[in-house]
Amino acid sequence: MTSPHREALTLARQGRWESAHRLVQSAGDPLSCQIHGYLHRVEGDLGNAAYWYRRAGETLRDNSLQDEWQRLFALLDD
């Protein structure tokens, strides 16, 4: 079975922002929060992105969106 994290990142890569957002918006675990922040970066909403990264105990990243997607994908444990 695919994890919600992997599915959200896959959907994001396909440009399916709304579907990816739905998967992580109600989750509170650190990886979901980071993915949520990443999605808001994609959207261009940096204030909201920073909020979600802070909820994960992280700071808003200044790397490229592609690099951030790869960083998040590398954190998957399944």
N, C-alpha and C. Protein backbone atom coordinates (compact mmCIF):
# COMPACT_ATOMS: atom_id res chain seq x y z
N MET A 1 0.84 -1.18 0.00
CA MET A 1 0.00 0.00 0.00
C MET A 1 0.90 1.25 0.00
N THR A 2 0.50 2.25 -0.73
CA THR A 2 1.25 3.49 -0.82
C THR A 2 0.94 4.37 0.37
N SER A 3 1.97 4.94 0.96
CA SER A 3 1.75 5.84 2.09
C SER A 3 1.15 7.15 1.60
N PRO A 4 0.41 7.85 2.46
CA PRO A 4 -0.12 9.16 2.08
C PRO A 4 0.99 10.14 1.71
N HIS A 5 2.14 10.03 2.36
CA HIS A 5 3.27 10.91 2.06
C HIS A 5 3.75 10.69 0.62
N ARG A 6 3.97 9.44 0.29
CA ARG A 6 4.45 9.10 -1.07
C ARG A 6 3.40 9.51 -2.10
N GLU A 7 2.15 9.24 -1.79
CA GLU A 7 1.08 9.59 -2.73
C GLU A 7 0.99 11.10 -2.92
N ALA A 8 1.09 11.86 -1.83
CA ALA A 8 1.03 13.32 -1.94
C ALA A 8 2.19 13.86 -2.78
N LEU A 9 3.38 13.33 -2.56
CA LEU A 9 4.53 13.80 -3.34
C LEU A 9 4.41 13.40 -4.81
N THR A 10 3.88 12.22 -5.06
CA THR A 10 3.67 11.78 -6.44
C THR A 10 2.65 12.68 -7.13
N LEU A 11 1.56 12.97 -6.45
CA LEU A 11 0.54 13.86 -7.01
C LEU A 11 1.11 15.25 -7.26
N ALA A 12 1.91 15.73 -6.33
CA ALA A 12 2.53 17.05 -6.50
C ALA A 12 3.42 17.07 -7.73
N ARG A 13 4.17 16.01 -7.93
CA ARG A 13 5.06 15.92 -9.09
C ARG A 13 4.28 15.92 -10.40
N GLN A 14 3.06 15.40 -10.34
CA GLN A 14 2.19 15.35 -11.52
C GLN A 14 1.43 16.67 -11.72
N GLY A 15 1.64 17.63 -10.83
CA GLY A 15 0.95 18.90 -10.93
C GLY A 15 -0.47 18.88 -10.38
N ARG A 16 -0.77 17.88 -9.59
CA ARG A 16 -2.11 17.73 -9.01
C ARG A 16 -2.12 18.26 -7.59
N TRP A 17 -1.95 19.58 -7.49
CA TRP A 17 -1.79 20.28 -6.21
C TRP A 17 -2.96 20.03 -5.28
N GLU A 18 -4.17 20.21 -5.76
CA GLU A 18 -5.36 20.07 -4.90
C GLU A 18 -5.44 18.67 -4.29
N SER A 19 -5.21 17.66 -5.10
CA SER A 19 -5.27 16.28 -4.60
C SER A 19 -4.17 16.03 -3.57
N ALA A 20 -2.98 16.51 -3.84
CA ALA A 20 -1.88 16.36 -2.88
C ALA A 20 -2.19 17.08 -1.59
N HIS A 21 -2.73 18.28 -1.71
CA HIS A 21 -3.05 19.10 -0.54
C HIS A 21 -4.10 18.40 0.33
N ARG A 22 -5.11 17.81 -0.29
CA ARG A 22 -6.15 17.10 0.47
C ARG A 22 -5.56 15.99 1.32
N LEU A 23 -4.54 15.32 0.82
CA LEU A 23 -3.94 14.19 1.56
C LEU A 23 -3.21 14.64 2.82
N VAL A 24 -2.64 15.82 2.82
CA VAL A 24 -1.82 16.22 3.96
C VAL A 24 -2.43 17.30 4.84
N GLN A 25 -3.50 17.94 4.39
CA GLN A 25 -3.99 19.11 5.11
C GLN A 25 -4.50 18.82 6.51
N SER A 26 -4.98 17.64 6.79
CA SER A 26 -5.49 17.36 8.12
C SER A 26 -4.52 16.55 8.98
N ALA A 27 -3.39 16.15 8.42
CA ALA A 27 -2.40 15.37 9.16
C ALA A 27 -1.47 16.31 9.93
N GLY A 28 -1.02 15.87 11.08
CA GLY A 28 -0.17 16.72 11.90
C GLY A 28 1.23 16.19 12.13
N ASP A 29 1.57 15.07 11.50
CA ASP A 29 2.91 14.52 11.69
C ASP A 29 3.93 15.40 10.96
N PRO A 30 5.18 15.39 11.41
CA PRO A 30 6.18 16.30 10.84
C PRO A 30 6.37 16.20 9.32
N LEU A 31 6.36 14.99 8.77
CA LEU A 31 6.56 14.88 7.33
C LEU A 31 5.37 15.44 6.57
N SER A 32 4.17 15.17 7.04
CA SER A 32 2.99 15.76 6.39
C SER A 32 3.04 17.28 6.43
N CYS A 33 3.47 17.83 7.56
CA CYS A 33 3.57 19.28 7.68
C CYS A 33 4.61 19.84 6.71
N GLN A 34 5.73 19.15 6.55
CA GLN A 34 6.74 19.61 5.60
C GLN A 34 6.22 19.53 4.17
N ILE A 35 5.53 18.45 3.83
CA ILE A 35 4.95 18.32 2.50
C ILE A 35 3.91 19.42 2.29
N HIS A 36 3.11 19.67 3.31
CA HIS A 36 2.11 20.74 3.24
C HIS A 36 2.80 22.08 2.97
N GLY A 37 3.89 22.33 3.69
CA GLY A 37 4.66 23.56 3.46
C GLY A 37 5.21 23.62 2.04
N TYR A 38 5.74 22.52 1.57
CA TYR A 38 6.25 22.45 0.20
C TYR A 38 5.15 22.79 -0.80
N LEU A 39 3.97 22.23 -0.60
CA LEU A 39 2.86 22.50 -1.52
C LEU A 39 2.52 23.99 -1.55
N HIS A 40 2.58 24.64 -0.39
CA HIS A 40 2.32 26.07 -0.38
C HIS A 40 3.45 26.86 -1.03
N ARG A 41 4.66 26.34 -0.98
CA ARG A 41 5.75 26.95 -1.75
C ARG A 41 5.44 26.87 -3.24
N VAL A 42 5.00 25.70 -3.68
CA VAL A 42 4.64 25.51 -5.09
C VAL A 42 3.57 26.53 -5.49
N GLU A 43 2.63 26.74 -4.60
CA GLU A 43 1.52 27.67 -4.85
C GLU A 43 1.98 29.12 -4.83
N GLY A 44 3.13 29.37 -4.20
CA GLY A 44 3.63 30.74 -4.09
C GLY A 44 3.22 31.43 -2.81
N ASP A 45 2.60 30.70 -1.89
CA ASP A 45 2.15 31.24 -0.62
C ASP A 45 3.22 30.98 0.45
N LEU A 46 4.25 31.82 0.47
CA LEU A 46 5.40 31.58 1.34
C LEU A 46 5.08 31.75 2.81
N GLY A 47 4.16 32.63 3.15
CA GLY A 47 3.77 32.80 4.54
C GLY A 47 3.14 31.54 5.10
N ASN A 48 2.24 30.96 4.35
CA ASN A 48 1.59 29.71 4.75
C ASN A 48 2.61 28.57 4.75
N ALA A 49 3.50 28.57 3.77
CA ALA A 49 4.55 27.54 3.71
C ALA A 49 5.41 27.60 4.97
N ALA A 50 5.82 28.80 5.36
CA ALA A 50 6.67 28.96 6.55
C ALA A 50 5.95 28.44 7.79
N TYR A 51 4.66 28.69 7.90
CA TYR A 51 3.87 28.19 9.03
C TYR A 51 3.95 26.67 9.11
N TRP A 52 3.75 26.00 7.98
CA TRP A 52 3.74 24.54 7.99
C TRP A 52 5.12 23.95 8.25
N TYR A 53 6.16 24.58 7.76
CA TYR A 53 7.51 24.12 8.09
C TYR A 53 7.78 24.29 9.58
N ARG A 54 7.35 25.41 10.16
CA ARG A 54 7.52 25.62 11.61
C ARG A 54 6.78 24.56 12.40
N ARG A 55 5.58 24.20 11.96
CA ARG A 55 4.83 23.14 12.65
C ARG A 55 5.58 21.82 12.64
N ALA A 56 6.42 21.63 11.64
CA ALA A 56 7.23 20.41 11.55
C ALA A 56 8.54 20.55 12.30
N GLY A 57 8.78 21.71 12.91
CA GLY A 57 10.04 21.94 13.61
C GLY A 57 11.17 22.31 12.67
N GLU A 58 10.83 22.78 11.48
CA GLU A 58 11.81 23.12 10.44
C GLU A 58 11.67 24.60 10.09
N THR A 59 12.59 25.08 9.29
CA THR A 59 12.49 26.44 8.76
C THR A 59 12.16 26.36 7.28
N LEU A 60 11.59 27.43 6.77
CA LEU A 60 11.25 27.50 5.36
C LEU A 60 12.53 27.31 4.55
N ARG A 61 12.50 26.42 3.62
CA ARG A 61 13.67 26.12 2.79
C ARG A 61 13.82 27.15 1.69
N ASP A 62 15.07 27.39 1.29
CA ASP A 62 15.31 28.32 0.18
C ASP A 62 15.92 27.59 -1.02
N ASN A 63 15.82 26.27 -1.01
CA ASN A 63 16.30 25.48 -2.15
C ASN A 63 15.27 25.52 -3.27
N SER A 64 15.61 24.97 -4.42
CA SER A 64 14.65 24.94 -5.52
C SER A 64 13.50 23.99 -5.16
N LEU A 65 12.39 24.17 -5.83
CA LEU A 65 11.26 23.27 -5.59
C LEU A 65 11.62 21.83 -5.94
N GLN A 66 12.38 21.65 -7.01
CA GLN A 66 12.79 20.30 -7.39
C GLN A 66 13.68 19.68 -6.31
N ASP A 67 14.63 20.47 -5.80
CA ASP A 67 15.51 19.96 -4.73
C ASP A 67 14.72 19.64 -3.47
N GLU A 68 13.73 20.48 -3.16
CA GLU A 68 12.93 20.22 -1.96
C GLU A 68 12.08 18.97 -2.15
N TRP A 69 11.51 18.78 -3.33
CA TRP A 69 10.75 17.55 -3.58
C TRP A 69 11.64 16.34 -3.37
N GLN A 70 12.85 16.39 -3.89
CA GLN A 70 13.78 15.26 -3.75
C GLN A 70 14.17 15.06 -2.28
N ARG A 71 14.37 16.13 -1.54
CA ARG A 71 14.71 16.01 -0.12
C ARG A 71 13.58 15.34 0.63
N LEU A 72 12.35 15.78 0.37
CA LEU A 72 11.20 15.18 1.04
C LEU A 72 11.01 13.73 0.64
N PHE A 73 11.18 13.42 -0.62
CA PHE A 73 11.03 12.05 -1.09
C PHE A 73 12.06 11.14 -0.41
N ALA A 74 13.25 11.66 -0.18
CA ALA A 74 14.29 10.87 0.48
C ALA A 74 13.95 10.57 1.94
N LEU A 75 13.04 11.34 2.52
CA LEU A 75 12.64 11.12 3.92
C LEU A 75 11.61 10.01 4.07
N LEU A 76 11.05 9.55 2.94
CA LEU A 76 10.04 8.49 3.01
C LEU A 76 10.67 7.23 3.57
N ASP A 77 9.92 6.54 4.40
CA ASP A 77 10.46 5.33 5.02
C ASP A 77 9.76 4.07 4.55
N ASP A 78 8.95 4.17 3.51
CA ASP A 78 8.26 2.96 3.06
C ASP A 78 8.64 2.63 1.64
